[in-house]
Amino acid sequence: MSMSSHARVSDMAATVTDIASGSGGIRTGNSLEAVVSFGSHMYPIQLEWSPHLAALVGILVLILLGGVLTARNRFADHNAFVAQPTPHTEEFLTDREKIQQLVRENGGRMKQSKIVDSVDWSKAKVSRLLAELEDDGRITKLRLGRENLVCLPGHEPTASQTPEQPKSE
């Protein structure tokens, strides 16, 4: 056996001893020496730590972290839906019912322009829906200058109500 091959076998034996003792390999500068065993044969390997390998490991860590955060957010969103015992009733209201609810939430009176600002409908659609509600007796529209005041029954201003006339017997 030549001197150089004897030195390599000696180095391999030292590496095997270090791995067996739990150190996992010998670190020298930017490289890591380790031994891979296939069956009864041991093969030394030397891994070079290059900037490209570091970047690749960094990208893999970021992908893994992104996957974990995405899964956590989806799980949290799922729990948010489960935690709501009653469904949101706004989804099941008709357009006419939405207007009535909006006026009710604002004290029973609301300017028509504020209704238009509060919903995603055109002025024409709001005007048509208010006319239908007025025809059904569900609201009262009062003209105030250039604006309409929309009121639920019983919420009209006192000045706009007609005085009660005594009943004739």
N, C-alpha and C. Protein backbone atom coordinates (compact mmCIF):
# COMPACT_ATOMS: atom_id res chain seq x y z
N MET A 1 0.85 -1.16 0.00
CA MET A 1 0.00 0.00 0.00
C MET A 1 0.89 1.23 0.00
N SER A 2 0.61 2.20 -0.85
CA SER A 2 1.44 3.39 -0.91
C SER A 2 1.14 4.30 0.26
N MET A 3 1.97 5.28 0.44
CA MET A 3 1.85 6.18 1.58
C MET A 3 0.58 7.02 1.48
N SER A 4 0.24 7.48 0.25
CA SER A 4 -0.94 8.33 0.10
C SER A 4 -2.22 7.53 0.31
N SER A 5 -2.29 6.29 -0.17
CA SER A 5 -3.50 5.50 0.06
C SER A 5 -3.60 5.10 1.51
N HIS A 6 -2.46 4.87 2.21
CA HIS A 6 -2.48 4.56 3.64
C HIS A 6 -3.02 5.75 4.43
N ALA A 7 -2.66 6.98 4.01
CA ALA A 7 -3.14 8.19 4.68
C ALA A 7 -4.63 8.35 4.47
N ARG A 8 -5.13 8.02 3.25
CA ARG A 8 -6.57 8.13 2.99
C ARG A 8 -7.35 7.13 3.82
N VAL A 9 -6.86 5.92 3.94
CA VAL A 9 -7.53 4.91 4.76
C VAL A 9 -7.53 5.35 6.22
N SER A 10 -6.44 5.93 6.67
CA SER A 10 -6.36 6.42 8.03
C SER A 10 -7.35 7.55 8.28
N ASP A 11 -7.46 8.48 7.30
CA ASP A 11 -8.42 9.57 7.42
C ASP A 11 -9.85 9.04 7.44
N MET A 12 -10.12 8.02 6.60
CA MET A 12 -11.45 7.43 6.56
C MET A 12 -11.76 6.77 7.89
N ALA A 13 -10.81 6.10 8.49
CA ALA A 13 -11.03 5.47 9.78
C ALA A 13 -11.31 6.52 10.84
N ALA A 14 -10.63 7.66 10.77
CA ALA A 14 -10.88 8.74 11.73
C ALA A 14 -12.29 9.29 11.53
N THR A 15 -12.71 9.42 10.28
CA THR A 15 -14.05 9.92 9.99
C THR A 15 -15.10 8.95 10.49
N VAL A 16 -14.91 7.66 10.23
CA VAL A 16 -15.84 6.65 10.70
C VAL A 16 -15.91 6.70 12.22
N THR A 17 -14.80 6.87 12.88
CA THR A 17 -14.78 6.93 14.33
C THR A 17 -15.54 8.15 14.82
N ASP A 18 -15.36 9.32 14.14
CA ASP A 18 -16.08 10.52 14.55
C ASP A 18 -17.58 10.36 14.35
N ILE A 19 -17.98 9.75 13.24
CA ILE A 19 -19.41 9.56 12.98
C ILE A 19 -19.99 8.59 13.99
N ALA A 20 -19.29 7.53 14.28
CA ALA A 20 -19.77 6.54 15.24
C ALA A 20 -19.87 7.15 16.64
N SER A 21 -19.01 8.10 16.96
CA SER A 21 -19.05 8.71 18.28
C SER A 21 -20.13 9.77 18.40
N GLY A 22 -20.80 10.09 17.29
CA GLY A 22 -21.93 11.01 17.36
C GLY A 22 -21.62 12.39 16.86
N SER A 23 -20.43 12.69 16.43
CA SER A 23 -20.14 14.05 15.95
C SER A 23 -20.75 14.29 14.59
N GLY A 24 -21.07 13.26 13.82
CA GLY A 24 -21.75 13.38 12.55
C GLY A 24 -20.85 13.69 11.39
N GLY A 25 -19.64 14.03 11.59
CA GLY A 25 -18.73 14.32 10.49
C GLY A 25 -17.67 15.30 10.93
N ILE A 26 -16.75 15.55 10.06
CA ILE A 26 -15.67 16.47 10.34
C ILE A 26 -15.89 17.71 9.50
N ARG A 27 -15.93 18.86 10.13
CA ARG A 27 -16.15 20.11 9.42
C ARG A 27 -14.79 20.76 9.17
N THR A 28 -14.53 21.05 7.90
CA THR A 28 -13.28 21.74 7.54
C THR A 28 -13.61 22.88 6.62
N GLY A 29 -13.54 24.12 7.10
CA GLY A 29 -13.81 25.29 6.27
C GLY A 29 -15.24 25.30 5.78
N ASN A 30 -15.43 25.30 4.45
CA ASN A 30 -16.76 25.34 3.84
C ASN A 30 -17.26 23.96 3.47
N SER A 31 -16.63 22.90 3.95
CA SER A 31 -17.05 21.57 3.54
C SER A 31 -17.35 20.72 4.75
N LEU A 32 -18.09 19.65 4.52
CA LEU A 32 -18.43 18.68 5.55
C LEU A 32 -18.07 17.31 5.01
N GLU A 33 -17.23 16.61 5.75
CA GLU A 33 -16.85 15.27 5.33
C GLU A 33 -17.70 14.28 6.12
N ALA A 34 -18.22 13.30 5.44
CA ALA A 34 -19.05 12.29 6.07
C ALA A 34 -18.77 10.96 5.40
N VAL A 35 -19.29 9.92 5.99
CA VAL A 35 -19.12 8.58 5.44
C VAL A 35 -20.49 8.00 5.18
N VAL A 36 -20.65 7.45 3.99
CA VAL A 36 -21.89 6.79 3.62
C VAL A 36 -21.59 5.31 3.54
N SER A 37 -22.44 4.51 4.16
CA SER A 37 -22.20 3.06 4.12
C SER A 37 -23.25 2.41 3.25
N PHE A 38 -22.78 1.53 2.36
CA PHE A 38 -23.64 0.71 1.54
C PHE A 38 -23.28 -0.73 1.85
N GLY A 39 -24.15 -1.42 2.55
CA GLY A 39 -23.83 -2.79 2.96
C GLY A 39 -22.65 -2.77 3.93
N SER A 40 -21.61 -3.50 3.62
CA SER A 40 -20.44 -3.54 4.51
C SER A 40 -19.37 -2.55 4.07
N HIS A 41 -19.58 -1.84 2.98
CA HIS A 41 -18.59 -0.88 2.49
C HIS A 41 -18.91 0.52 2.98
N MET A 42 -17.85 1.26 3.33
CA MET A 42 -17.98 2.64 3.77
C MET A 42 -17.33 3.54 2.72
N TYR A 43 -18.05 4.58 2.28
CA TYR A 43 -17.52 5.49 1.28
C TYR A 43 -17.49 6.90 1.85
N PRO A 44 -16.34 7.55 1.86
CA PRO A 44 -16.29 8.93 2.36
C PRO A 44 -16.85 9.89 1.29
N ILE A 45 -17.58 10.89 1.75
CA ILE A 45 -18.06 11.92 0.83
C ILE A 45 -17.69 13.26 1.43
N GLN A 46 -17.54 14.23 0.57
CA GLN A 46 -17.22 15.57 1.02
C GLN A 46 -18.22 16.51 0.36
N LEU A 47 -18.99 17.23 1.18
CA LEU A 47 -19.99 18.16 0.69
C LEU A 47 -19.44 19.57 0.74
N GLU A 48 -19.50 20.28 -0.36
CA GLU A 48 -19.05 21.67 -0.42
C GLU A 48 -20.25 22.57 -0.14
N TRP A 49 -20.08 23.53 0.73
CA TRP A 49 -21.13 24.47 1.08
C TRP A 49 -20.93 25.71 0.23
N SER A 50 -21.67 25.81 -0.88
CA SER A 50 -21.51 26.92 -1.79
C SER A 50 -22.67 27.91 -1.59
N PRO A 51 -22.52 29.13 -2.08
CA PRO A 51 -23.63 30.10 -1.97
C PRO A 51 -24.89 29.62 -2.68
N HIS A 52 -24.71 28.86 -3.77
CA HIS A 52 -25.89 28.34 -4.48
C HIS A 52 -26.64 27.34 -3.63
N LEU A 53 -25.92 26.50 -2.93
CA LEU A 53 -26.57 25.52 -2.05
C LEU A 53 -27.25 26.22 -0.89
N ALA A 54 -26.63 27.26 -0.35
CA ALA A 54 -27.24 28.02 0.74
C ALA A 54 -28.52 28.70 0.27
N ALA A 55 -28.50 29.25 -0.94
CA ALA A 55 -29.70 29.89 -1.49
C ALA A 55 -30.82 28.88 -1.70
N LEU A 56 -30.46 27.70 -2.20
CA LEU A 56 -31.44 26.65 -2.42
C LEU A 56 -32.07 26.21 -1.10
N VAL A 57 -31.26 26.02 -0.09
CA VAL A 57 -31.79 25.63 1.23
C VAL A 57 -32.69 26.74 1.77
N GLY A 58 -32.29 28.00 1.60
CA GLY A 58 -33.11 29.12 2.04
C GLY A 58 -34.46 29.16 1.35
N ILE A 59 -34.46 28.92 0.04
CA ILE A 59 -35.71 28.91 -0.71
C ILE A 59 -36.61 27.77 -0.24
N LEU A 60 -36.04 26.61 -0.01
CA LEU A 60 -36.84 25.47 0.47
C LEU A 60 -37.44 25.77 1.84
N VAL A 61 -36.67 26.41 2.72
CA VAL A 61 -37.19 26.76 4.04
C VAL A 61 -38.33 27.76 3.90
N LEU A 62 -38.20 28.75 3.02
CA LEU A 62 -39.27 29.73 2.82
C LEU A 62 -40.52 29.08 2.25
N ILE A 63 -40.37 28.14 1.32
CA ILE A 63 -41.52 27.43 0.77
C ILE A 63 -42.23 26.63 1.86
N LEU A 64 -41.45 25.96 2.69
CA LEU A 64 -42.03 25.18 3.78
C LEU A 64 -42.75 26.09 4.76
N LEU A 65 -42.14 27.21 5.11
CA LEU A 65 -42.77 28.15 6.03
C LEU A 65 -44.05 28.72 5.43
N GLY A 66 -44.02 29.06 4.14
CA GLY A 66 -45.22 29.57 3.48
C GLY A 66 -46.34 28.55 3.48
N GLY A 67 -46.01 27.29 3.25
CA GLY A 67 -47.03 26.23 3.30
C GLY A 67 -47.65 26.08 4.67
N VAL A 68 -46.82 26.16 5.70
CA VAL A 68 -47.32 26.04 7.07
C VAL A 68 -48.24 27.21 7.40
N LEU A 69 -47.84 28.44 7.02
CA LEU A 69 -48.67 29.61 7.30
C LEU A 69 -49.99 29.58 6.52
N THR A 70 -49.93 29.14 5.28
CA THR A 70 -51.15 29.02 4.48
C THR A 70 -52.12 28.01 5.10
N ALA A 71 -51.58 26.87 5.51
CA ALA A 71 -52.43 25.85 6.15
C ALA A 71 -53.03 26.39 7.45
N ARG A 72 -52.24 27.12 8.22
CA ARG A 72 -52.74 27.68 9.48
C ARG A 72 -53.85 28.68 9.21
N ASN A 73 -53.68 29.55 8.21
CA ASN A 73 -54.71 30.54 7.90
C ASN A 73 -55.98 29.89 7.40
N ARG A 74 -55.86 28.87 6.58
CA ARG A 74 -57.06 28.17 6.11
C ARG A 74 -57.79 27.49 7.25
N PHE A 75 -57.05 26.93 8.17
CA PHE A 75 -57.66 26.28 9.33
C PHE A 75 -58.34 27.32 10.20
N ALA A 76 -57.72 28.48 10.38
CA ALA A 76 -58.30 29.55 11.19
C ALA A 76 -59.57 30.07 10.54
N ASP A 77 -59.56 30.25 9.19
CA ASP A 77 -60.76 30.70 8.49
C ASP A 77 -61.88 29.69 8.61
N HIS A 78 -61.55 28.41 8.54
CA HIS A 78 -62.55 27.36 8.67
C HIS A 78 -63.18 27.42 10.06
N ASN A 79 -62.38 27.63 11.10
CA ASN A 79 -62.91 27.73 12.45
C ASN A 79 -63.76 28.97 12.63
N ALA A 80 -63.45 30.04 11.93
CA ALA A 80 -64.26 31.25 12.03
C ALA A 80 -65.67 30.99 11.50
N PHE A 81 -65.79 30.18 10.43
CA PHE A 81 -67.11 29.86 9.92
C PHE A 81 -67.85 28.91 10.85
N VAL A 82 -67.15 28.00 11.47
CA VAL A 82 -67.78 27.05 12.37
C VAL A 82 -68.24 27.74 13.64
N ALA A 83 -67.51 28.76 14.10
CA ALA A 83 -67.81 29.42 15.36
C ALA A 83 -69.09 30.26 15.28
N GLN A 84 -69.54 30.63 14.08
CA GLN A 84 -70.76 31.40 13.95
C GLN A 84 -71.96 30.47 13.99
N PRO A 85 -72.71 30.47 15.09
CA PRO A 85 -73.83 29.54 15.18
C PRO A 85 -75.01 29.92 14.28
N THR A 86 -75.24 31.23 14.08
CA THR A 86 -76.37 31.64 13.25
C THR A 86 -75.84 32.21 11.94
N PRO A 87 -76.48 31.86 10.83
CA PRO A 87 -76.03 32.41 9.55
C PRO A 87 -76.33 33.89 9.46
N HIS A 88 -75.58 34.59 8.65
CA HIS A 88 -75.77 36.02 8.45
C HIS A 88 -77.08 36.21 7.69
N THR A 89 -78.08 36.83 8.31
CA THR A 89 -79.41 36.94 7.70
C THR A 89 -79.44 37.96 6.57
N GLU A 90 -78.45 38.84 6.48
CA GLU A 90 -78.44 39.85 5.44
C GLU A 90 -78.43 39.21 4.05
N GLU A 91 -77.83 38.04 3.93
CA GLU A 91 -77.75 37.37 2.65
C GLU A 91 -79.11 36.91 2.14
N PHE A 92 -80.09 36.73 3.03
CA PHE A 92 -81.37 36.15 2.66
C PHE A 92 -82.48 37.20 2.57
N LEU A 93 -82.14 38.48 2.64
CA LEU A 93 -83.14 39.52 2.56
C LEU A 93 -83.34 39.95 1.12
N THR A 94 -84.59 40.30 0.80
CA THR A 94 -84.86 40.86 -0.52
C THR A 94 -84.37 42.31 -0.52
N ASP A 95 -84.31 42.92 -1.69
CA ASP A 95 -83.87 44.31 -1.79
C ASP A 95 -84.80 45.24 -1.01
N ARG A 96 -86.09 44.97 -1.09
CA ARG A 96 -87.06 45.79 -0.35
C ARG A 96 -86.86 45.63 1.15
N GLU A 97 -86.61 44.41 1.60
CA GLU A 97 -86.37 44.17 3.03
C GLU A 97 -85.06 44.82 3.49
N LYS A 98 -84.06 44.84 2.61
CA LYS A 98 -82.79 45.49 2.97
C LYS A 98 -82.99 46.98 3.20
N ILE A 99 -83.81 47.61 2.34
CA ILE A 99 -84.08 49.04 2.53
C ILE A 99 -84.82 49.28 3.84
N GLN A 100 -85.83 48.46 4.11
CA GLN A 100 -86.57 48.61 5.36
C GLN A 100 -85.66 48.43 6.57
N GLN A 101 -84.79 47.44 6.53
CA GLN A 101 -83.87 47.20 7.63
C GLN A 101 -82.90 48.37 7.80
N LEU A 102 -82.42 48.92 6.69
CA LEU A 102 -81.51 50.05 6.74
C LEU A 102 -82.18 51.26 7.39
N VAL A 103 -83.42 51.54 7.01
CA VAL A 103 -84.15 52.67 7.59
C VAL A 103 -84.43 52.39 9.07
N ARG A 104 -84.78 51.16 9.41
CA ARG A 104 -85.03 50.78 10.80
C ARG A 104 -83.77 50.98 11.66
N GLU A 105 -82.61 50.59 11.11
CA GLU A 105 -81.35 50.73 11.84
C GLU A 105 -80.95 52.19 12.04
N ASN A 106 -81.53 53.09 11.26
CA ASN A 106 -81.24 54.52 11.37
C ASN A 106 -82.37 55.27 12.05
N GLY A 107 -83.04 54.64 12.94
CA GLY A 107 -84.06 55.30 13.75
C GLY A 107 -85.41 55.45 13.10
N GLY A 108 -85.67 54.75 12.00
CA GLY A 108 -86.98 54.80 11.36
C GLY A 108 -87.11 55.90 10.33
N ARG A 109 -86.09 56.78 10.21
CA ARG A 109 -86.11 57.86 9.24
C ARG A 109 -84.74 57.94 8.57
N MET A 110 -84.78 58.23 7.26
CA MET A 110 -83.52 58.33 6.54
C MET A 110 -83.75 59.07 5.24
N LYS A 111 -82.80 59.93 4.87
CA LYS A 111 -82.91 60.63 3.58
C LYS A 111 -82.63 59.63 2.46
N GLN A 112 -83.32 59.83 1.36
CA GLN A 112 -83.17 58.93 0.22
C GLN A 112 -81.73 58.93 -0.30
N SER A 113 -81.07 60.07 -0.29
CA SER A 113 -79.68 60.14 -0.77
C SER A 113 -78.75 59.31 0.12
N LYS A 114 -79.03 59.24 1.42
CA LYS A 114 -78.23 58.42 2.33
C LYS A 114 -78.46 56.93 2.06
N ILE A 115 -79.66 56.57 1.68
CA ILE A 115 -79.95 55.18 1.32
C ILE A 115 -79.14 54.81 0.08
N VAL A 116 -79.13 55.70 -0.92
CA VAL A 116 -78.37 55.44 -2.14
C VAL A 116 -76.88 55.28 -1.81
N ASP A 117 -76.36 56.12 -0.90
CA ASP A 117 -74.96 56.03 -0.51
C ASP A 117 -74.65 54.75 0.26
N SER A 118 -75.63 54.19 0.95
CA SER A 118 -75.42 53.02 1.81
C SER A 118 -75.48 51.70 1.06
N VAL A 119 -76.07 51.70 -0.13
CA VAL A 119 -76.20 50.45 -0.89
C VAL A 119 -75.44 50.59 -2.21
N ASP A 120 -75.23 49.49 -2.87
CA ASP A 120 -74.50 49.48 -4.15
C ASP A 120 -75.44 49.47 -5.34
N TRP A 121 -76.53 50.18 -5.23
CA TRP A 121 -77.51 50.22 -6.30
C TRP A 121 -77.56 51.62 -6.90
N SER A 122 -78.15 51.72 -8.07
CA SER A 122 -78.29 53.02 -8.72
C SER A 122 -79.42 53.81 -8.04
N LYS A 123 -79.41 55.12 -8.30
CA LYS A 123 -80.48 55.99 -7.77
C LYS A 123 -81.84 55.54 -8.28
N ALA A 124 -81.86 55.12 -9.54
CA ALA A 124 -83.13 54.70 -10.15
C ALA A 124 -83.69 53.45 -9.46
N LYS A 125 -82.83 52.50 -9.16
CA LYS A 125 -83.30 51.28 -8.50
C LYS A 125 -83.82 51.59 -7.10
N VAL A 126 -83.11 52.44 -6.37
CA VAL A 126 -83.57 52.81 -5.02
C VAL A 126 -84.90 53.53 -5.11
N SER A 127 -85.03 54.44 -6.07
CA SER A 127 -86.28 55.18 -6.24
C SER A 127 -87.44 54.23 -6.56
N ARG A 128 -87.20 53.27 -7.45
CA ARG A 128 -88.24 52.30 -7.81
C ARG A 128 -88.65 51.46 -6.60
N LEU A 129 -87.64 50.98 -5.83
CA LEU A 129 -87.95 50.16 -4.66
C LEU A 129 -88.71 50.96 -3.60
N LEU A 130 -88.34 52.22 -3.43
CA LEU A 130 -89.05 53.07 -2.45
C LEU A 130 -90.49 53.32 -2.90
N ALA A 131 -90.69 53.50 -4.21
CA ALA A 131 -92.06 53.70 -4.72
C ALA A 131 -92.92 52.45 -4.46
N GLU A 132 -92.33 51.26 -4.67
CA GLU A 132 -93.06 50.02 -4.41
C GLU A 132 -93.40 49.89 -2.92
N LEU A 133 -92.43 50.22 -2.07
CA LEU A 133 -92.67 50.14 -0.62
C LEU A 133 -93.72 51.15 -0.18
N GLU A 134 -93.72 52.32 -0.80
CA GLU A 134 -94.73 53.34 -0.46
C GLU A 134 -96.11 52.90 -0.91
N ASP A 135 -96.20 52.29 -2.10
CA ASP A 135 -97.49 51.79 -2.58
C ASP A 135 -98.05 50.71 -1.66
N ASP A 136 -97.17 49.89 -1.08
CA ASP A 136 -97.60 48.83 -0.17
C ASP A 136 -97.86 49.35 1.24
N GLY A 137 -97.57 50.63 1.50
CA GLY A 137 -97.80 51.21 2.82
C GLY A 137 -96.72 50.85 3.84
N ARG A 138 -95.58 50.40 3.38
CA ARG A 138 -94.50 50.01 4.30
C ARG A 138 -93.59 51.17 4.67
N ILE A 139 -93.60 52.23 3.85
CA ILE A 139 -92.84 53.43 4.15
C ILE A 139 -93.66 54.64 3.74
N THR A 140 -93.19 55.81 4.18
CA THR A 140 -93.77 57.07 3.76
C THR A 140 -92.63 57.93 3.24
N LYS A 141 -92.82 58.53 2.06
CA LYS A 141 -91.82 59.45 1.51
C LYS A 141 -92.34 60.86 1.68
N LEU A 142 -91.53 61.70 2.31
CA LEU A 142 -91.89 63.10 2.49
C LEU A 142 -90.90 63.96 1.73
N ARG A 143 -91.42 64.98 1.02
CA ARG A 143 -90.55 65.86 0.26
C ARG A 143 -90.03 66.96 1.18
N LEU A 144 -88.70 67.08 1.28
CA LEU A 144 -88.07 68.14 2.06
C LEU A 144 -87.17 68.93 1.12
N GLY A 145 -87.70 69.99 0.57
CA GLY A 145 -86.92 70.78 -0.38
C GLY A 145 -86.63 69.94 -1.62
N ARG A 146 -85.34 69.67 -1.84
CA ARG A 146 -84.94 68.88 -3.01
C ARG A 146 -84.69 67.42 -2.67
N GLU A 147 -84.97 67.03 -1.42
CA GLU A 147 -84.71 65.66 -0.99
C GLU A 147 -85.97 65.00 -0.49
N ASN A 148 -85.92 63.66 -0.44
CA ASN A 148 -87.01 62.88 0.14
C ASN A 148 -86.56 62.32 1.48
N LEU A 149 -87.46 62.39 2.46
CA LEU A 149 -87.22 61.75 3.75
C LEU A 149 -88.05 60.47 3.76
N VAL A 150 -87.39 59.34 3.96
CA VAL A 150 -88.05 58.05 3.96
C VAL A 150 -88.30 57.67 5.42
N CYS A 151 -89.55 57.37 5.75
CA CYS A 151 -89.92 57.04 7.13
C CYS A 151 -90.69 55.73 7.17
N LEU A 152 -90.45 54.99 8.22
CA LEU A 152 -91.27 53.81 8.49
C LEU A 152 -92.56 54.27 9.15
N PRO A 153 -93.64 53.51 9.02
CA PRO A 153 -94.90 53.93 9.66
C PRO A 153 -94.71 54.14 11.16
N GLY A 154 -95.22 55.30 11.63
CA GLY A 154 -95.09 55.64 13.03
C GLY A 154 -93.84 56.43 13.36
N HIS A 155 -92.96 56.64 12.41
CA HIS A 155 -91.73 57.39 12.63
C HIS A 155 -91.71 58.72 11.88
N GLU A 156 -92.86 59.13 11.35
CA GLU A 156 -92.93 60.38 10.60
C GLU A 156 -92.78 61.54 11.59
N PRO A 157 -92.23 62.66 11.11
CA PRO A 157 -92.15 63.84 11.98
C PRO A 157 -93.55 64.32 12.34
N THR A 158 -93.71 64.86 13.54
CA THR A 158 -95.05 65.26 13.99
C THR A 158 -95.63 66.37 13.13
N ALA A 159 -94.82 67.25 12.59
CA ALA A 159 -95.33 68.35 11.76
C ALA A 159 -95.93 67.83 10.46
N SER A 160 -95.54 66.67 10.01
CA SER A 160 -96.06 66.16 8.74
C SER A 160 -97.34 65.35 8.90
N GLN A 161 -97.70 65.01 10.13
CA GLN A 161 -98.88 64.19 10.34
C GLN A 161 -100.12 65.08 10.30
N THR A 162 -101.19 64.57 9.75
CA THR A 162 -102.44 65.32 9.70
C THR A 162 -103.08 65.26 11.07
N PRO A 163 -103.67 66.35 11.52
CA PRO A 163 -104.34 66.31 12.83
C PRO A 163 -105.54 65.41 12.76
N GLU A 164 -105.76 64.71 13.86
CA GLU A 164 -106.91 63.78 13.90
C GLU A 164 -108.18 64.61 14.00
N GLN A 165 -109.12 64.26 13.16
CA GLN A 165 -110.41 64.96 13.19
C GLN A 165 -111.35 64.19 14.10
N PRO A 166 -112.16 64.90 14.85
CA PRO A 166 -113.10 64.19 15.72
C PRO A 166 -114.10 63.38 14.90
N LYS A 167 -114.41 62.25 15.45
CA LYS A 167 -115.34 61.37 14.75
C LYS A 167 -116.77 61.90 14.91
N SER A 168 -117.48 61.88 13.79
CA SER A 168 -118.87 62.33 13.88
C SER A 168 -119.75 61.12 14.21
N GLU A 169 -120.63 61.34 15.17
CA GLU A 169 -121.49 60.25 15.59
C GLU A 169 -122.87 60.38 15.07
